[in-house]
Structure formats: C-alpha cells, structure tokens
Protein backbone atom coordinates (compact mmCIF):
# COMPACT_ATOMS: atom_id res chain seq x y z
CA MET A 1 22.86 -26.39 -14.56
CA ALA A 2 26.06 -26.15 -11.02
CA ALA A 3 25.02 -26.42 -8.46
CA SER A 4 26.84 -25.10 -4.75
CA ALA A 5 27.58 -26.25 -1.75
CA LYS A 6 24.37 -27.01 -0.44
CA ASP A 7 23.09 -28.28 -3.64
CA GLU A 8 20.99 -24.74 -4.36
CA PRO A 9 22.37 -22.79 -7.11
CA THR A 10 23.57 -19.34 -6.90
CA ASP A 11 21.43 -16.45 -7.94
CA GLU A 12 24.48 -16.39 -11.01
CA GLU A 13 23.35 -20.44 -11.57
CA LEU A 14 19.94 -20.25 -12.20
CA MET A 15 20.82 -16.37 -14.61
CA ASP A 16 22.67 -18.41 -16.67
CA ALA A 17 20.78 -21.61 -16.74
CA TYR A 18 17.91 -19.12 -17.73
CA VAL A 19 19.90 -17.39 -20.36
CA ASP A 20 20.48 -20.95 -21.73
CA GLY A 21 16.97 -21.32 -21.94
CA ASP A 22 16.13 -23.09 -18.60
CA ASP A 23 12.19 -21.58 -17.78
CA ALA A 24 12.64 -23.06 -14.43
CA ALA A 25 15.95 -21.09 -13.55
CA PHE A 26 13.41 -17.93 -14.47
CA ARG A 27 10.15 -19.05 -11.89
CA LEU A 28 13.09 -19.95 -9.27
CA LEU A 29 15.06 -16.13 -9.41
CA PHE A 30 11.00 -15.01 -9.41
CA GLU A 31 10.52 -16.59 -6.01
CA ARG A 32 13.90 -15.05 -5.29
CA TYR A 33 13.38 -11.29 -6.08
CA ALA A 34 10.30 -11.14 -5.77
CA PRO A 35 9.26 -10.72 -2.45
CA ILE A 36 12.70 -8.43 -1.95
CA LEU A 37 11.56 -6.15 -4.42
CA LEU A 38 8.12 -5.72 -3.48
CA ARG A 39 9.63 -4.43 0.25
CA LEU A 40 11.65 -2.77 -1.76
CA THR A 41 9.36 -0.84 -3.64
CA ARG A 42 6.32 -0.84 -0.91
CA ARG A 43 8.85 2.15 0.47
CA GLN A 44 9.40 3.49 -2.43
CA LEU A 45 5.91 3.85 -3.93
CA ARG A 46 3.09 3.61 -0.59
CA ASP A 47 1.85 1.96 -3.39
CA ASP A 48 0.78 -1.70 -2.99
CA GLU A 49 -0.75 -2.52 -6.62
CA LEU A 50 1.78 0.38 -7.76
CA ALA A 51 5.41 -1.53 -6.23
CA GLN A 52 3.43 -5.27 -7.64
CA GLU A 53 3.51 -3.29 -11.26
CA ILE A 54 6.99 -2.49 -10.96
CA VAL A 55 8.08 -5.68 -9.53
CA GLN A 56 6.15 -7.72 -12.86
CA GLN A 57 8.03 -4.89 -14.89
CA THR A 58 11.27 -5.71 -13.43
CA PHE A 59 11.30 -9.56 -14.35
CA PHE A 60 9.98 -8.58 -17.62
CA ARG A 61 12.70 -6.08 -18.05
CA LEU A 62 15.33 -8.64 -16.83
CA HIS A 63 13.20 -11.26 -19.10
CA GLY A 64 13.99 -8.21 -22.50
CA ALA A 65 17.51 -8.05 -21.05
CA ARG A 66 18.69 -11.80 -19.67
CA ASN A 67 21.07 -11.68 -22.88
CA ASP A 68 22.56 -8.78 -21.82
CA PHE A 69 23.94 -9.94 -18.48
CA ARG A 70 27.61 -10.45 -17.63
CA ARG A 71 28.30 -14.11 -17.05
CA GLY A 72 30.41 -13.99 -13.81
CA SER A 73 28.72 -10.83 -12.85
CA LYS A 74 26.39 -10.53 -9.53
CA LEU A 75 23.02 -11.07 -10.34
CA ARG A 76 21.48 -8.80 -7.23
CA PRO A 77 22.79 -4.94 -8.28
CA TRP A 78 21.51 -5.72 -11.73
CA VAL A 79 18.26 -6.59 -10.87
CA MET A 80 17.70 -3.96 -7.80
CA THR A 81 19.20 -1.32 -10.45
CA ILE A 82 16.43 -2.41 -12.76
CA ALA A 83 13.57 -1.78 -9.77
CA MET A 84 15.38 1.50 -9.09
CA ASN A 85 15.48 2.78 -12.38
CA LEU A 86 11.43 1.78 -12.49
CA VAL A 87 11.14 3.60 -9.72
CA ARG A 88 13.20 6.21 -10.45
CA GLU A 89 10.78 6.48 -13.65
CA HIS A 90 7.74 6.55 -11.81
CA TRP A 91 8.88 9.57 -9.94
CA ARG A 92 9.79 11.45 -13.12
CA ARG A 93 6.53 11.04 -14.83
CA LYS A 94 4.34 11.73 -11.59
CA LYS A 95 6.55 14.91 -11.77
CA ARG A 96 5.82 15.87 -15.41
CA ARG A 97 2.00 15.45 -15.08
CA LYS A 98 1.94 17.81 -12.34
CA VAL A 99 -0.80 16.15 -10.78
CA THR A 100 -1.86 17.28 -7.10
CA ASP A 101 -2.71 14.09 -4.91
CA LEU A 102 -5.20 14.87 -2.33
CA GLU A 103 -5.57 10.93 -0.66
CA VAL A 104 -3.99 10.63 2.58
CA ASP A 105 -1.41 7.14 3.16
CA THR A 106 -4.22 4.85 3.53
CA GLN A 107 -1.40 2.17 3.76
CA ALA A 108 0.08 1.53 7.59
CA ALA A 109 2.51 -1.44 7.89
CA PRO A 110 0.09 -4.50 8.54
CA GLU A 111 1.53 -4.95 11.85
CA ALA A 112 1.08 -1.44 13.31
CA ASP A 113 -2.02 -1.97 14.81
CA PHE A 114 -0.64 -4.59 17.26
CA MET A 115 1.77 -2.51 18.31
CA PRO A 116 1.53 -0.76 21.29
CA ILE A 117 0.60 2.90 21.10
CA GLU A 118 4.10 4.22 21.39
CA LEU A 119 5.54 2.08 19.30
CA ARG A 120 3.50 3.30 17.02
CA GLN A 121 4.19 6.96 17.68
CA ARG A 122 7.49 6.63 16.87
CA SER A 123 7.07 4.49 13.38
CA ALA A 124 4.68 7.58 12.58
CA LEU A 125 7.47 9.66 13.14
CA LEU A 126 10.33 7.42 11.28
CA HIS A 127 8.03 7.01 8.84
CA GLY A 128 6.95 11.48 8.36
CA ALA A 129 11.12 11.91 8.62
CA LEU A 130 11.20 9.38 5.82
CA GLU A 131 9.59 11.80 3.65
CA ARG A 132 10.79 14.56 4.10
CA LEU A 133 14.71 13.25 2.64
CA PRO A 134 15.29 13.83 -1.03
CA GLU A 135 14.61 10.87 -2.84
CA GLY A 136 17.89 9.77 -3.50
CA GLN A 137 19.10 10.02 0.65
CA ARG A 138 15.62 8.34 1.22
CA ALA A 139 17.17 5.31 -1.19
CA VAL A 140 20.55 5.12 0.02
CA VAL A 141 18.75 5.01 4.07
CA GLU A 142 16.01 2.09 2.96
CA LEU A 143 18.12 0.28 1.05
CA HIS A 144 21.25 0.25 3.72
CA TRP A 145 19.13 0.52 7.15
CA PHE A 146 15.82 -1.41 5.95
CA GLN A 147 17.66 -4.04 2.88
CA GLU A 148 20.83 -4.32 4.74
CA ARG A 149 23.19 -3.80 2.02
CA PRO A 150 26.51 -2.16 1.78
CA TYR A 151 27.87 0.48 0.36
CA ALA A 152 28.77 -0.78 -2.47
CA GLU A 153 26.20 -2.91 -4.02
CA ILE A 154 24.29 0.67 -3.22
CA ALA A 155 26.97 2.66 -4.95
CA ARG A 156 25.36 -0.05 -8.27
CA ILE A 157 22.31 0.49 -7.34
CA VAL A 158 21.72 3.69 -7.48
CA GLY A 159 24.05 4.39 -10.07
CA THR A 160 26.68 6.28 -8.36
CA SER A 161 30.03 6.09 -6.32
CA GLU A 162 30.57 4.52 -3.38
CA GLY A 163 31.55 7.87 -1.45
CA ALA A 164 28.88 9.47 -3.03
CA VAL A 165 26.66 7.22 -1.71
CA ARG A 166 28.05 7.58 1.77
CA VAL A 167 27.91 10.98 1.99
CA ARG A 168 24.10 10.85 1.04
CA ALA A 169 24.29 8.26 3.95
CA HIS A 170 25.29 10.77 6.19
CA ARG A 171 23.44 13.13 5.06
CA ALA A 172 20.86 11.46 5.51
CA TYR A 173 21.20 9.74 9.17
CA THR A 174 22.68 13.75 10.01
CA THR A 175 18.71 15.07 8.64
CA LEU A 176 16.90 12.37 9.82
CA LYS A 177 18.51 12.55 13.56
CA GLN A 178 17.59 16.64 13.30
CA LEU A 179 13.92 16.35 12.86
CA LEU A 180 13.41 13.02 14.59
CA GLY A 181 14.64 15.19 17.52
CA SER A 182 13.03 17.99 17.02
CA GLU A 183 9.23 16.21 16.51
CA ILE A 184 10.40 14.39 20.10
CA ARG A 185 10.57 17.71 21.65
CA GLY A 186 7.90 19.45 19.41
CA ASP A 187 10.07 22.19 17.73
CA GLU A 188 7.50 22.22 14.82
C-alpha cells in the first residue's frame, strides 16, 4: 500500500488495497467514514438506530461492490452516494407503507441541554424550518452547510448536475430565510 506525504494512506489507496484483499484497509476506511456517515444519516433520518443501520448497510454495499470501484476515482462521493441512496430507499419504502407515525421526536441534539435558552430556541426553529423543506433541498443544504461539501461533490452524491444542485440550494436557502423570518416575526 503506497503512503501519502503524511505517511497515511489516502482513502483511494486504502480502497485499492482493500480491493486487492487487504482487510485492514477496510477497517481503516470504516474508522474514517463511519462517523461522517452516521452524522449525515442522523440528520436525514432523525433516528439513531436507523442511522446506524444505514451506515452498516453502506459498508455492506461497499464490500459487495468493491470490485466495481473504478481505480483512480475519488472514494468519498462513491461512499456518500451509497449512503444517500439507502436513505432515499428508506423514505420511499416508508411512503409506500403509508404508516402514520404518531411518535414525537424526542431525539434532541445532546448539546441542546447545555445551551442557553435562546440558542435552543434558534436551534429548534432551524430544525423545524429544515424539516419543512422538500427532501431534495434539505439533502443539499445538509451536505453543503453542515458537511461543507462543494456543489460538484454534492451533485455526484445526489446524482444530478452541479447546476441543479445550485438551484436546489438557492431555493432552499431562500425558503429557509422566509420560514425563519416568519417564525421570528411570529407570522405563523
């Protein structure tokens, strides 16, 4: 396995080593990506147990498709695409079942208990506004704002053009501004 300038292999080098049969490389990839994917899927699903299941499924799919990985390609968009597709599949299945979920979201951010009341209120307003966005726009905002991903990478993850991602982001940020403005003024 080749090493980068920091004596730490890149994600792509680890994936190449894993495809060549190095199981230790898979463990390193898991250690790098599991926390990132868990944060992303928690935001999308609002359910820790389900988010963990999606992360596990992501790595099962990565394992199953390891020989399909194009050497020389970036690994991060590929892994993120697998995870986002699993999240989309979950929501599609849930819509088809037409189950009414009457549970109240009790999963508040852990740090919310230690925040001043004003920050907790703002966090709740933002969370509520994000929930009101269409799923496609919400995914773009979460990847761009919270994960700090560039639009080109988001386009690969969500499977659309960079221009379409920019349009979704613009519409989402405009809608959020309107929603948050009306919440603060008390219009609704």
